[in-house]
Amino acid sequence: AETFYKAVKNLWQFRFLGKTFSAWLYRIAGNLIVDYFRHKKT
């Protein structure tokens, strides 16, 4: 849920430039997962 919330909030910042939207989503999710394990909370 947080991944999609961040995606819609920052959609204006997304630039294709050879990248895909799905790859951007996975990167957001991956960063949130790292943050979760670092702080054990979300």
PDB file of all heavy atoms in Angstrom:
ATOM      1  N   ALA A   1       0.836  -1.207   0.000  1.00  0.00           N
ATOM      2  CA  ALA A   1       0.000   0.000   0.000  1.00  0.00           C
ATOM      3  C   ALA A   1       0.865   1.249   0.000  1.00  0.00           C
ATOM      4  O   ALA A   1       0.604   2.214  -0.726  1.00  0.00           O
ATOM      5  CB  ALA A   1      -0.924  -0.003   1.220  1.00  0.00           C
ATOM      6  N   GLU A   2       1.929   1.238   0.803  1.00  0.00           N
ATOM      7  CA  GLU A   2       2.833   2.386   0.875  1.00  0.00           C
ATOM      8  C   GLU A   2       3.556   2.597  -0.451  1.00  0.00           C
ATOM      9  O   GLU A   2       3.795   3.739  -0.871  1.00  0.00           O
ATOM     10  CB  GLU A   2       3.845   2.174   2.001  1.00  0.00           C
ATOM     11  CG  GLU A   2       4.807   3.329   2.224  1.00  0.00           C
ATOM     12  CD  GLU A   2       4.158   4.540   2.894  1.00  0.00           C
ATOM     13  OE1 GLU A   2       2.978   4.443   3.283  1.00  0.00           O
ATOM     14  OE2 GLU A   2       4.830   5.567   3.008  1.00  0.00           O
ATOM     15  N   THR A   3       3.881   1.509  -1.125  1.00  0.00           N
ATOM     16  CA  THR A   3       4.541   1.590  -2.429  1.00  0.00           C
ATOM     17  C   THR A   3       3.679   2.365  -3.425  1.00  0.00           C
ATOM     18  O   THR A   3       4.157   3.282  -4.108  1.00  0.00           O
ATOM     19  CB  THR A   3       4.819   0.179  -2.992  1.00  0.00           C
ATOM     20  OG1 THR A   3       5.748  -0.489  -2.138  1.00  0.00           O
ATOM     21  CG2 THR A   3       5.391   0.249  -4.402  1.00  0.00           C
ATOM     22  N   PHE A   4       2.406   2.011  -3.489  1.00  0.00           N
ATOM     23  CA  PHE A   4       1.521   2.682  -4.441  1.00  0.00           C
ATOM     24  C   PHE A   4       1.188   4.112  -4.010  1.00  0.00           C
ATOM     25  O   PHE A   4       1.004   4.993  -4.846  1.00  0.00           O
ATOM     26  CB  PHE A   4       0.244   1.860  -4.649  1.00  0.00           C
ATOM     27  CG  PHE A   4       0.462   0.662  -5.523  1.00  0.00           C
ATOM     28  CD1 PHE A   4       0.702  -0.590  -4.981  1.00  0.00           C
ATOM     29  CD2 PHE A   4       0.471   0.792  -6.907  1.00  0.00           C
ATOM     30  CE1 PHE A   4       0.933  -1.692  -5.790  1.00  0.00           C
ATOM     31  CE2 PHE A   4       0.703  -0.302  -7.733  1.00  0.00           C
ATOM     32  CZ  PHE A   4       0.932  -1.547  -7.168  1.00  0.00           C
ATOM     33  N   TYR A   5       1.124   4.317  -2.706  1.00  0.00           N
ATOM     34  CA  TYR A   5       0.903   5.670  -2.204  1.00  0.00           C
ATOM     35  C   TYR A   5       2.058   6.580  -2.623  1.00  0.00           C
ATOM     36  O   TYR A   5       1.852   7.705  -3.112  1.00  0.00           O
ATOM     37  CB  TYR A   5       0.775   5.644  -0.678  1.00  0.00           C
ATOM     38  CG  TYR A   5       0.616   7.014  -0.061  1.00  0.00           C
ATOM     39  CD1 TYR A   5      -0.600   7.689  -0.130  1.00  0.00           C
ATOM     40  CD2 TYR A   5       1.678   7.635   0.584  1.00  0.00           C
ATOM     41  CE1 TYR A   5      -0.747   8.951   0.430  1.00  0.00           C
ATOM     42  CE2 TYR A   5       1.535   8.891   1.144  1.00  0.00           C
ATOM     43  CZ  TYR A   5       0.321   9.541   1.066  1.00  0.00           C
ATOM     44  OH  TYR A   5       0.194  10.782   1.612  1.00  0.00           O
ATOM     45  N   LYS A   6       3.284   6.112  -2.455  1.00  0.00           N
ATOM     46  CA  LYS A   6       4.453   6.898  -2.848  1.00  0.00           C
ATOM     47  C   LYS A   6       4.504   7.089  -4.366  1.00  0.00           C
ATOM     48  O   LYS A   6       4.910   8.140  -4.864  1.00  0.00           O
ATOM     49  CB  LYS A   6       5.739   6.210  -2.365  1.00  0.00           C
ATOM     50  CG  LYS A   6       6.002   6.378  -0.878  1.00  0.00           C
ATOM     51  CD  LYS A   6       7.315   5.705  -0.484  1.00  0.00           C
ATOM     52  CE  LYS A   6       7.648   5.961   0.985  1.00  0.00           C
ATOM     53  NZ  LYS A   6       7.949   7.367   1.264  1.00  0.00           N
ATOM     54  N   ALA A   7       4.102   6.047  -5.095  1.00  0.00           N
ATOM     55  CA  ALA A   7       4.128   6.120  -6.556  1.00  0.00           C
ATOM     56  C   ALA A   7       3.167   7.183  -7.075  1.00  0.00           C
ATOM     57  O   ALA A   7       3.534   7.997  -7.927  1.00  0.00           O
ATOM     58  CB  ALA A   7       3.787   4.754  -7.154  1.00  0.00           C
ATOM     59  N   VAL A   8       1.950   7.181  -6.562  1.00  0.00           N
ATOM     60  CA  VAL A   8       0.977   8.168  -7.052  1.00  0.00           C
ATOM     61  C   VAL A   8       1.353   9.576  -6.596  1.00  0.00           C
ATOM     62  O   VAL A   8       1.167  10.553  -7.320  1.00  0.00           O
ATOM     63  CB  VAL A   8      -0.458   7.798  -6.596  1.00  0.00           C
ATOM     64  CG1 VAL A   8      -0.664   8.053  -5.107  1.00  0.00           C
ATOM     65  CG2 VAL A   8      -1.485   8.563  -7.413  1.00  0.00           C
ATOM     66  N   LYS A   9       1.919   9.670  -5.418  1.00  0.00           N
ATOM     67  CA  LYS A   9       2.328  10.970  -4.883  1.00  0.00           C
ATOM     68  C   LYS A   9       3.486  11.565  -5.681  1.00  0.00           C
ATOM     69  O   LYS A   9       3.575  12.794  -5.851  1.00  0.00           O
ATOM     70  CB  LYS A   9       2.739  10.797  -3.414  1.00  0.00           C
ATOM     71  CG  LYS A   9       3.104  12.087  -2.705  1.00  0.00           C
ATOM     72  CD  LYS A   9       3.475  11.791  -1.247  1.00  0.00           C
ATOM     73  CE  LYS A   9       3.912  13.062  -0.531  1.00  0.00           C
ATOM     74  NZ  LYS A   9       4.310  12.760   0.870  1.00  0.00           N
ATOM     75  N   ASN A  10       4.377  10.700  -6.174  1.00  0.00           N
ATOM     76  CA  ASN A  10       5.577  11.167  -6.880  1.00  0.00           C
ATOM     77  C   ASN A  10       5.558  10.849  -8.371  1.00  0.00           C
ATOM     78  O   ASN A  10       6.608  10.867  -9.022  1.00  0.00           O
ATOM     79  CB  ASN A  10       6.822  10.541  -6.243  1.00  0.00           C
ATOM     80  CG  ASN A  10       6.984  10.931  -4.787  1.00  0.00           C
ATOM     81  OD1 ASN A  10       7.195  12.086  -4.468  1.00  0.00           O
ATOM     82  ND2 ASN A  10       6.880   9.950  -3.904  1.00  0.00           N
ATOM     83  N   LEU A  11       4.368  10.576  -8.898  1.00  0.00           N
ATOM     84  CA  LEU A  11       4.261  10.195 -10.304  1.00  0.00           C
ATOM     85  C   LEU A  11       4.815  11.276 -11.235  1.00  0.00           C
ATOM     86  O   LEU A  11       5.378  10.973 -12.285  1.00  0.00           O
ATOM     87  CB  LEU A  11       2.796   9.903 -10.656  1.00  0.00           C
ATOM     88  CG  LEU A  11       2.544   9.233 -11.999  1.00  0.00           C
ATOM     89  CD1 LEU A  11       3.250   7.888 -12.072  1.00  0.00           C
ATOM     90  CD2 LEU A  11       1.042   9.055 -12.236  1.00  0.00           C
ATOM     91  N   TRP A  12       4.662  12.522 -10.836  1.00  0.00           N
ATOM     92  CA  TRP A  12       5.140  13.626 -11.671  1.00  0.00           C
ATOM     93  C   TRP A  12       6.662  13.604 -11.821  1.00  0.00           C
ATOM     94  O   TRP A  12       7.218  14.151 -12.778  1.00  0.00           O
ATOM     95  CB  TRP A  12       4.702  14.961 -11.067  1.00  0.00           C
ATOM     96  CG  TRP A  12       5.284  15.227  -9.703  1.00  0.00           C
ATOM     97  CD1 TRP A  12       4.796  14.783  -8.507  1.00  0.00           C
ATOM     98  CD2 TRP A  12       6.470  15.964  -9.405  1.00  0.00           C
ATOM     99  NE1 TRP A  12       5.592  15.199  -7.472  1.00  0.00           N
ATOM    100  CE2 TRP A  12       6.626  15.936  -7.988  1.00  0.00           C
ATOM    101  CE3 TRP A  12       7.404  16.666 -10.173  1.00  0.00           C
ATOM    102  CZ2 TRP A  12       7.693  16.571  -7.349  1.00  0.00           C
ATOM    103  CZ3 TRP A  12       8.457  17.293  -9.527  1.00  0.00           C
ATOM    104  CH2 TRP A  12       8.593  17.245  -8.145  1.00  0.00           C
ATOM    105  N   GLN A  13       7.358  12.944 -10.868  1.00  0.00           N
ATOM    106  CA  GLN A  13       8.823  12.881 -10.918  1.00  0.00           C
ATOM    107  C   GLN A  13       9.325  11.750 -11.807  1.00  0.00           C
ATOM    108  O   GLN A  13      10.492  11.752 -12.217  1.00  0.00           O
ATOM    109  CB  GLN A  13       9.387  12.677  -9.504  1.00  0.00           C
ATOM    110  CG  GLN A  13       9.176  13.855  -8.574  1.00  0.00           C
ATOM    111  CD  GLN A  13       9.773  13.604  -7.201  1.00  0.00           C
ATOM    112  OE1 GLN A  13       9.823  12.456  -6.743  1.00  0.00           O
ATOM    113  NE2 GLN A  13      10.230  14.644  -6.547  1.00  0.00           N
ATOM    114  N   PHE A  14       8.471  10.781 -12.079  1.00  0.00           N
ATOM    115  CA  PHE A  14       8.909   9.621 -12.845  1.00  0.00           C
ATOM    116  C   PHE A  14       9.206   9.991 -14.291  1.00  0.00           C
ATOM    117  O   PHE A  14       8.419  10.661 -14.951  1.00  0.00           O
ATOM    118  CB  PHE A  14       7.846   8.521 -12.802  1.00  0.00           C
ATOM    119  CG  PHE A  14       8.158   7.342 -13.681  1.00  0.00           C
ATOM    120  CD1 PHE A  14       9.195   6.483 -13.370  1.00  0.00           C
ATOM    121  CD2 PHE A  14       7.432   7.113 -14.840  1.00  0.00           C
ATOM    122  CE1 PHE A  14       9.507   5.409 -14.186  1.00  0.00           C
ATOM    123  CE2 PHE A  14       7.725   6.041 -15.657  1.00  0.00           C
ATOM    124  CZ  PHE A  14       8.767   5.188 -15.326  1.00  0.00           C
ATOM    125  N   ARG A  15      10.364   9.560 -14.768  1.00  0.00           N
ATOM    126  CA  ARG A  15      10.752   9.780 -16.154  1.00  0.00           C
ATOM    127  C   ARG A  15      11.096   8.435 -16.768  1.00  0.00           C
ATOM    128  O   ARG A  15      11.849   7.651 -16.184  1.00  0.00           O
ATOM    129  CB  ARG A  15      11.964  10.712 -16.247  1.00  0.00           C
ATOM    130  CG  ARG A  15      11.700  12.116 -15.728  1.00  0.00           C
ATOM    131  CD  ARG A  15      10.745  12.868 -16.647  1.00  0.00           C
ATOM    132  NE  ARG A  15      10.493  14.227 -16.154  1.00  0.00           N
ATOM    133  CZ  ARG A  15       9.502  14.535 -15.313  1.00  0.00           C
ATOM    134  NH1 ARG A  15       8.705  13.576 -14.866  1.00  0.00           N
ATOM    135  NH2 ARG A  15       9.321  15.781 -14.925  1.00  0.00           N
ATOM    136  N   PHE A  16      10.576   8.171 -17.959  1.00  0.00           N
ATOM    137  CA  PHE A  16      10.820   6.884 -18.603  1.00  0.00           C
ATOM    138  C   PHE A  16      12.301   6.712 -18.924  1.00  0.00           C
ATOM    139  O   PHE A  16      12.980   5.912 -18.311  1.00  0.00           O
ATOM    140  CB  PHE A  16       9.962   6.757 -19.867  1.00  0.00           C
ATOM    141  CG  PHE A  16       8.505   6.546 -19.558  1.00  0.00           C
ATOM    142  CD1 PHE A  16       7.632   7.617 -19.536  1.00  0.00           C
ATOM    143  CD2 PHE A  16       8.031   5.280 -19.270  1.00  0.00           C
ATOM    144  CE1 PHE A  16       6.283   7.429 -19.241  1.00  0.00           C
ATOM    145  CE2 PHE A  16       6.693   5.087 -18.965  1.00  0.00           C
ATOM    146  CZ  PHE A  16       5.819   6.161 -18.950  1.00  0.00           C
ATOM    147  N   LEU A  17      12.821   7.448 -19.867  1.00  0.00           N
ATOM    148  CA  LEU A  17      14.249   7.412 -20.207  1.00  0.00           C
ATOM    149  C   LEU A  17      14.782   5.979 -20.234  1.00  0.00           C
ATOM    150  O   LEU A  17      15.807   5.654 -19.650  1.00  0.00           O
ATOM    151  CB  LEU A  17      15.054   8.251 -19.188  1.00  0.00           C
ATOM    152  CG  LEU A  17      14.684   9.734 -19.089  1.00  0.00           C
ATOM    153  CD1 LEU A  17      15.468  10.409 -17.975  1.00  0.00           C
ATOM    154  CD2 LEU A  17      14.932  10.428 -20.423  1.00  0.00           C
ATOM    155  N   GLY A  18      14.051   5.118 -20.916  1.00  0.00           N
ATOM    156  CA  GLY A  18      14.466   3.715 -21.031  1.00  0.00           C
ATOM    157  C   GLY A  18      14.013   2.855 -19.865  1.00  0.00           C
ATOM    158  O   GLY A  18      14.215   1.645 -19.868  1.00  0.00           O
ATOM    159  N   LYS A  19      13.420   3.471 -18.858  1.00  0.00           N
ATOM    160  CA  LYS A  19      12.965   2.735 -17.689  1.00  0.00           C
ATOM    161  C   LYS A  19      11.472   2.435 -17.796  1.00  0.00           C
ATOM    162  O   LYS A  19      10.739   3.095 -18.515  1.00  0.00           O
ATOM    163  CB  LYS A  19      13.231   3.540 -16.413  1.00  0.00           C
ATOM    164  CG  LYS A  19      14.702   3.834 -16.174  1.00  0.00           C
ATOM    165  CD  LYS A  19      14.885   4.660 -14.921  1.00  0.00           C
ATOM    166  CE  LYS A  19      16.361   4.957 -14.681  1.00  0.00           C
ATOM    167  NZ  LYS A  19      16.571   5.788 -13.481  1.00  0.00           N
ATOM    168  N   THR A  20      11.030   1.438 -17.051  1.00  0.00           N
ATOM    169  CA  THR A  20       9.611   1.099 -17.024  1.00  0.00           C
ATOM    170  C   THR A  20       9.002   1.498 -15.681  1.00  0.00           C
ATOM    171  O   THR A  20       9.698   1.555 -14.671  1.00  0.00           O
ATOM    172  CB  THR A  20       9.388  -0.413 -17.236  1.00  0.00           C
ATOM    173  OG1 THR A  20      10.030  -1.138 -16.173  1.00  0.00           O
ATOM    174  CG2 THR A  20       9.954  -0.866 -18.574  1.00  0.00           C
ATOM    175  N   PHE A  21       7.712   1.720 -15.699  1.00  0.00           N
ATOM    176  CA  PHE A  21       7.000   2.073 -14.472  1.00  0.00           C
ATOM    177  C   PHE A  21       7.062   0.927 -13.472  1.00  0.00           C
ATOM    178  O   PHE A  21       7.213   1.144 -12.270  1.00  0.00           O
ATOM    179  CB  PHE A  21       5.546   2.409 -14.817  1.00  0.00           C
ATOM    180  CG  PHE A  21       4.689   2.712 -13.624  1.00  0.00           C
ATOM    181  CD1 PHE A  21       4.789   3.920 -12.959  1.00  0.00           C
ATOM    182  CD2 PHE A  21       3.781   1.765 -13.152  1.00  0.00           C
ATOM    183  CE1 PHE A  21       3.996   4.197 -11.850  1.00  0.00           C
ATOM    184  CE2 PHE A  21       2.986   2.026 -12.047  1.00  0.00           C
ATOM    185  CZ  PHE A  21       3.105   3.250 -11.400  1.00  0.00           C
ATOM    186  N   SER A  22       6.954  -0.304 -13.971  1.00  0.00           N
ATOM    187  CA  SER A  22       6.976  -1.470 -13.078  1.00  0.00           C
ATOM    188  C   SER A  22       8.322  -1.580 -12.350  1.00  0.00           C
ATOM    189  O   SER A  22       8.362  -1.910 -11.165  1.00  0.00           O
ATOM    190  CB  SER A  22       6.703  -2.754 -13.864  1.00  0.00           C
ATOM    191  OG  SER A  22       7.607  -2.904 -14.936  1.00  0.00           O
ATOM    192  N   ALA A  23       9.413  -1.280 -13.054  1.00  0.00           N
ATOM    193  CA  ALA A  23      10.737  -1.323 -12.415  1.00  0.00           C
ATOM    194  C   ALA A  23      10.810  -0.279 -11.315  1.00  0.00           C
ATOM    195  O   ALA A  23      11.400  -0.524 -10.250  1.00  0.00           O
ATOM    196  CB  ALA A  23      11.827  -1.065 -13.448  1.00  0.00           C
ATOM    197  N   TRP A  24      10.216   0.873 -11.554  1.00  0.00           N
ATOM    198  CA  TRP A  24      10.180   1.958 -10.557  1.00  0.00           C
ATOM    199  C   TRP A  24       9.412   1.494  -9.319  1.00  0.00           C
ATOM    200  O   TRP A  24       9.825   1.743  -8.186  1.00  0.00           O
ATOM    201  CB  TRP A  24       9.542   3.184 -11.183  1.00  0.00           C
ATOM    202  CG  TRP A  24       9.573   4.423 -10.348  1.00  0.00           C
ATOM    203  CD1 TRP A  24      10.666   5.009  -9.768  1.00  0.00           C
ATOM    204  CD2 TRP A  24       8.448   5.253 -10.013  1.00  0.00           C
ATOM    205  NE1 TRP A  24      10.296   6.156  -9.095  1.00  0.00           N
ATOM    206  CE2 TRP A  24       8.943   6.331  -9.231  1.00  0.00           C
ATOM    207  CE3 TRP A  24       7.083   5.205 -10.315  1.00  0.00           C
ATOM    208  CZ2 TRP A  24       8.113   7.337  -8.738  1.00  0.00           C
ATOM    209  CZ3 TRP A  24       6.267   6.212  -9.832  1.00  0.00           C
ATOM    210  CH2 TRP A  24       6.776   7.258  -9.046  1.00  0.00           C
ATOM    211  N   LEU A  25       8.295   0.797  -9.528  1.00  0.00           N
ATOM    212  CA  LEU A  25       7.497   0.293  -8.401  1.00  0.00           C
ATOM    213  C   LEU A  25       8.298  -0.690  -7.553  1.00  0.00           C
ATOM    214  O   LEU A  25       8.285  -0.617  -6.321  1.00  0.00           O
ATOM    215  CB  LEU A  25       6.231  -0.404  -8.912  1.00  0.00           C
ATOM    216  CG  LEU A  25       5.053   0.455  -9.357  1.00  0.00           C
ATOM    217  CD1 LEU A  25       3.926  -0.435  -9.852  1.00  0.00           C
ATOM    218  CD2 LEU A  25       4.568   1.359  -8.230  1.00  0.00           C
ATOM    219  N   TYR A  26       8.998  -1.608  -8.219  1.00  0.00           N
ATOM    220  CA  TYR A  26       9.804  -2.592  -7.486  1.00  0.00           C
ATOM    221  C   TYR A  26      10.904  -1.902  -6.685  1.00  0.00           C
ATOM    222  O   TYR A  26      11.232  -2.325  -5.578  1.00  0.00           O
ATOM    223  CB  TYR A  26      10.422  -3.606  -8.446  1.00  0.00           C
ATOM    224  CG  TYR A  26       9.521  -4.770  -8.762  1.00  0.00           C
ATOM    225  CD1 TYR A  26       8.806  -4.816  -9.954  1.00  0.00           C
ATOM    226  CD2 TYR A  26       9.379  -5.830  -7.869  1.00  0.00           C
ATOM    227  CE1 TYR A  26       7.971  -5.892 -10.256  1.00  0.00           C
ATOM    228  CE2 TYR A  26       8.553  -6.906  -8.160  1.00  0.00           C
ATOM    229  CZ  TYR A  26       7.844  -6.926  -9.358  1.00  0.00           C
ATOM    230  OH  TYR A  26       7.019  -7.989  -9.637  1.00  0.00           O
ATOM    231  N   ARG A  27      11.461  -0.838  -7.242  1.00  0.00           N
ATOM    232  CA  ARG A  27      12.523  -0.126  -6.529  1.00  0.00           C
ATOM    233  C   ARG A  27      11.972   0.556  -5.287  1.00  0.00           C
ATOM    234  O   ARG A  27      12.589   0.534  -4.224  1.00  0.00           O
ATOM    235  CB  ARG A  27      13.182   0.913  -7.447  1.00  0.00           C
ATOM    236  CG  ARG A  27      14.469   1.483  -6.853  1.00  0.00           C
ATOM    237  CD  ARG A  27      15.144   2.438  -7.812  1.00  0.00           C
ATOM    238  NE  ARG A  27      15.432   1.805  -9.086  1.00  0.00           N
ATOM    239  CZ  ARG A  27      15.894   2.454 -10.149  1.00  0.00           C
ATOM    240  NH1 ARG A  27      16.111   3.751 -10.085  1.00  0.00           N
ATOM    241  NH2 ARG A  27      16.146   1.814 -11.271  1.00  0.00           N
ATOM    242  N   ILE A  28      10.772   1.141  -5.411  1.00  0.00           N
ATOM    243  CA  ILE A  28      10.128   1.775  -4.252  1.00  0.00           C
ATOM    244  C   ILE A  28       9.859   0.715  -3.182  1.00  0.00           C
ATOM    245  O   ILE A  28      10.159   0.911  -2.003  1.00  0.00           O
ATOM    246  CB  ILE A  28       8.804   2.463  -4.658  1.00  0.00           C
ATOM    247  CG1 ILE A  28       9.080   3.657  -5.585  1.00  0.00           C
ATOM    248  CG2 ILE A  28       8.049   2.938  -3.410  1.00  0.00           C
ATOM    249  CD1 ILE A  28       7.826   4.270  -6.182  1.00  0.00           C
ATOM    250  N   ALA A  29       9.289  -0.406  -3.607  1.00  0.00           N
ATOM    251  CA  ALA A  29       8.974  -1.489  -2.663  1.00  0.00           C
ATOM    252  C   ALA A  29      10.245  -2.010  -2.006  1.00  0.00           C
ATOM    253  O   ALA A  29      10.282  -2.242  -0.792  1.00  0.00           O
ATOM    254  CB  ALA A  29       8.250  -2.624  -3.389  1.00  0.00           C
ATOM    255  N   GLY A  30      11.289  -2.184  -2.798  1.00  0.00           N
ATOM    256  CA  GLY A  30      12.558  -2.680  -2.260  1.00  0.00           C
ATOM    257  C   GLY A  30      13.131  -1.754  -1.206  1.00  0.00           C
ATOM    258  O   GLY A  30      13.619  -2.205  -0.159  1.00  0.00           O
ATOM    259  N   ASN A  31      13.063  -0.444  -1.464  1.00  0.00           N
ATOM    260  CA  ASN A  31      13.561   0.539  -0.491  1.00  0.00           C
ATOM    261  C   ASN A  31      12.745   0.507   0.796  1.00  0.00           C
ATOM    262  O   ASN A  31      13.294   0.623   1.901  1.00  0.00           O
ATOM    263  CB  ASN A  31      13.530   1.945  -1.086  1.00  0.00           C
ATOM    264  CG  ASN A  31      14.569   2.145  -2.168  1.00  0.00           C
ATOM    265  OD1 ASN A  31      15.577   1.441  -2.208  1.00  0.00           O
ATOM    266  ND2 ASN A  31      14.345   3.093  -3.059  1.00  0.00           N
ATOM    267  N   LEU A  32      11.428   0.341   0.665  1.00  0.00           N
ATOM    268  CA  LEU A  32      10.565   0.271   1.850  1.00  0.00           C
ATOM    269  C   LEU A  32      10.862  -0.987   2.665  1.00  0.00           C
ATOM    270  O   LEU A  32      10.826  -0.962   3.901  1.00  0.00           O
ATOM    271  CB  LEU A  32       9.088   0.289   1.429  1.00  0.00           C
ATOM    272  CG  LEU A  32       8.551   1.630   0.933  1.00  0.00           C
ATOM    273  CD1 LEU A  32       7.158   1.463   0.330  1.00  0.00           C
ATOM    274  CD2 LEU A  32       8.512   2.652   2.074  1.00  0.00           C
ATOM    275  N   ILE A  33      11.152  -2.074   1.980  1.00  0.00           N
ATOM    276  CA  ILE A  33      11.482  -3.328   2.669  1.00  0.00           C
ATOM    277  C   ILE A  33      12.790  -3.180   3.432  1.00  0.00           C
ATOM    278  O   ILE A  33      12.915  -3.624   4.582  1.00  0.00           O
ATOM    279  CB  ILE A  33      11.555  -4.491   1.658  1.00  0.00           C
ATOM    280  CG1 ILE A  33      10.144  -4.815   1.150  1.00  0.00           C
ATOM    281  CG2 ILE A  33      12.170  -5.736   2.307  1.00  0.00           C
ATOM    282  CD1 ILE A  33      10.107  -5.709  -0.072  1.00  0.00           C
ATOM    283  N   VAL A  34      13.773  -2.545   2.795  1.00  0.00           N
ATOM    284  CA  VAL A  34      15.049  -2.294   3.470  1.00  0.00           C
ATOM    285  C   VAL A  34      14.823  -1.430   4.709  1.00  0.00           C
ATOM    286  O   VAL A  34      15.363  -1.693   5.781  1.00  0.00           O
ATOM    287  CB  VAL A  34      16.052  -1.609   2.517  1.00  0.00           C
ATOM    288  CG1 VAL A  34      17.282  -1.119   3.289  1.00  0.00           C
ATOM    289  CG2 VAL A  34      16.489  -2.574   1.423  1.00  0.00           C
ATOM    290  N   ASP A  35      13.999  -0.375   4.565  1.00  0.00           N
ATOM    291  CA  ASP A  35      13.697   0.503   5.701  1.00  0.00           C
ATOM    292  C   ASP A  35      13.000  -0.261   6.812  1.00  0.00           C
ATOM    293  O   ASP A  35      13.272  -0.043   7.996  1.00  0.00           O
ATOM    294  CB  ASP A  35      12.804   1.670   5.257  1.00  0.00           C
ATOM    295  CG  ASP A  35      13.559   2.695   4.428  1.00  0.00           C
ATOM    296  OD1 ASP A  35      14.801   2.689   4.472  1.00  0.00           O
ATOM    297  OD2 ASP A  35      12.908   3.487   3.720  1.00  0.00           O
ATOM    298  N   TYR A  36      12.095  -1.172   6.419  1.00  0.00           N
ATOM    299  CA  TYR A  36      11.377  -1.946   7.425  1.00  0.00           C
ATOM    300  C   TYR A  36      12.350  -2.775   8.257  1.00  0.00           C
ATOM    301  O   TYR A  36      12.299  -2.778   9.492  1.00  0.00           O
ATOM    302  CB  TYR A  36      10.334  -2.859   6.779  1.00  0.00           C
ATOM    303  CG  TYR A  36       9.845  -3.909   7.743  1.00  0.00           C
ATOM    304  CD1 TYR A  36       8.976  -3.561   8.777  1.00  0.00           C
ATOM    305  CD2 TYR A  36      10.317  -5.223   7.683  1.00  0.00           C
ATOM    306  CE1 TYR A  36       8.579  -4.503   9.709  1.00  0.00           C
ATOM    307  CE2 TYR A  36       9.918  -6.158   8.607  1.00  0.00           C
ATOM    308  CZ  TYR A  36       9.050  -5.802   9.621  1.00  0.00           C
ATOM    309  OH  TYR A  36       8.666  -6.728  10.552  1.00  0.00           O
ATOM    310  N   PHE A  37      13.239  -3.497   7.583  1.00  0.00           N
ATOM    311  CA  PHE A  37      14.175  -4.350   8.310  1.00  0.00           C
ATOM    312  C   PHE A  37      15.187  -3.533   9.108  1.00  0.00           C
ATOM    313  O   PHE A  37      15.700  -3.995  10.120  1.00  0.00           O
ATOM    314  CB  PHE A  37      14.894  -5.298   7.345  1.00  0.00           C
ATOM    315  CG  PHE A  37      14.054  -6.473   6.941  1.00  0.00           C
ATOM    316  CD1 PHE A  37      13.660  -6.640   5.626  1.00  0.00           C
ATOM    317  CD2 PHE A  37      13.641  -7.404   7.880  1.00  0.00           C
ATOM    318  CE1 PHE A  37      12.869  -7.727   5.252  1.00  0.00           C
ATOM    319  CE2 PHE A  37      12.852  -8.487   7.527  1.00  0.00           C
ATOM    320  CZ  PHE A  37      12.466  -8.645   6.206  1.00  0.00           C
ATOM    321  N   ARG A  38      15.446  -2.329   8.643  1.00  0.00           N
ATOM    322  CA  ARG A  38      16.386  -1.478   9.372  1.00  0.00           C
ATOM    323  C   ARG A  38      15.752  -0.955  10.649  1.00  0.00           C
ATOM    324  O   ARG A  38      16.386  -0.880  11.696  1.00  0.00           O
ATOM    325  CB  ARG A  38      16.821  -0.314   8.476  1.00  0.00           C
ATOM    326  CG  ARG A  38      17.867   0.606   9.126  1.00  0.00           C
ATOM    327  CD  ARG A  38      18.284   1.696   8.161  1.00  0.00           C
ATOM    328  NE  ARG A  38      18.977   1.147   7.014  1.00  0.00           N
ATOM    329  CZ  ARG A  38      18.744   1.497   5.753  1.00  0.00           C
ATOM    330  NH1 ARG A  38      17.803   2.377   5.469  1.00  0.00           N
ATOM    331  NH2 ARG A  38      19.432   0.962   4.770  1.00  0.00           N
ATOM    332  N   HIS A  39      14.481  -0.586  10.579  1.00  0.00           N
ATOM    333  CA  HIS A  39      13.813   0.019  11.739  1.00  0.00           C
ATOM    334  C   HIS A  39      12.766  -0.894  12.373  1.00  0.00           C
ATOM    335  O   HIS A  39      12.215  -0.568  13.418  1.00  0.00           O
ATOM    336  CB  HIS A  39      13.142   1.332  11.324  1.00  0.00           C
ATOM    337  CG  HIS A  39      14.088   2.297  10.676  1.00  0.00           C
ATOM    338  ND1 HIS A  39      15.141   2.871  11.349  1.00  0.00           N
ATOM    339  CD2 HIS A  39      14.142   2.781   9.413  1.00  0.00           C
ATOM    340  CE1 HIS A  39      15.799   3.677  10.528  1.00  0.00           C
ATOM    341  NE2 HIS A  39      15.222   3.641   9.348  1.00  0.00           N
ATOM    342  N   LYS A  40      12.480  -2.017  11.684  1.00  0.00           N
ATOM    343  CA  LYS A  40      11.470  -2.971  12.173  1.00  0.00           C
ATOM    344  C   LYS A  40      10.106  -2.324  12.359  1.00  0.00           C
ATOM    345  O   LYS A  40       9.352  -2.643  13.269  1.00  0.00           O
ATOM    346  CB  LYS A  40      11.925  -3.604  13.491  1.00  0.00           C
ATOM    347  CG  LYS A  40      13.088  -4.560  13.353  1.00  0.00           C
ATOM    348  CD  LYS A  40      12.718  -5.760  12.503  1.00  0.00           C
ATOM    349  CE  LYS A  40      13.890  -6.735  12.390  1.00  0.00           C
ATOM    350  NZ  LYS A  40      13.585  -7.878  11.528  1.00  0.00           N
ATOM    351  N   LYS A  41       9.810  -1.377  11.505  1.00  0.00           N
ATOM    352  CA  LYS A  41       8.481  -0.769  11.546  1.00  0.00           C
ATOM    353  C   LYS A  41       8.229  -0.104  10.213  1.00  0.00           C
ATOM    354  O   LYS A  41       9.134   0.163   9.445  1.00  0.00           O
ATOM    355  CB  LYS A  41       8.362   0.260  12.671  1.00  0.00           C
ATOM    356  CG  LYS A  41       9.250   1.485  12.483  1.00  0.00           C
ATOM    357  CD  LYS A  41       9.056   2.467  13.605  1.00  0.00           C
ATOM    358  CE  LYS A  41       9.928   3.712  13.407  1.00  0.00           C
ATOM    359  NZ  LYS A  41       9.727   4.700  14.459  1.00  0.00           N
ATOM    360  N   THR A  42       6.967   0.160   9.940  1.00  0.00           N
ATOM    361  CA  THR A  42       6.615   0.895   8.724  1.00  0.00           C
ATOM    362  C   THR A  42       5.408   1.770   9.003  1.00  0.00           C
ATOM    363  O   THR A  42       4.436   1.335   9.598  1.00  0.00           O
ATOM    364  CB  THR A  42       6.316  -0.066   7.551  1.00  0.00           C
ATOM    365  OG1 THR A  42       5.958   0.692   6.407  1.00  0.00           O
ATOM    366  CG2 THR A  42       5.198  -1.039   7.864  1.00  0.00           C
TER     367      THR A  42
END
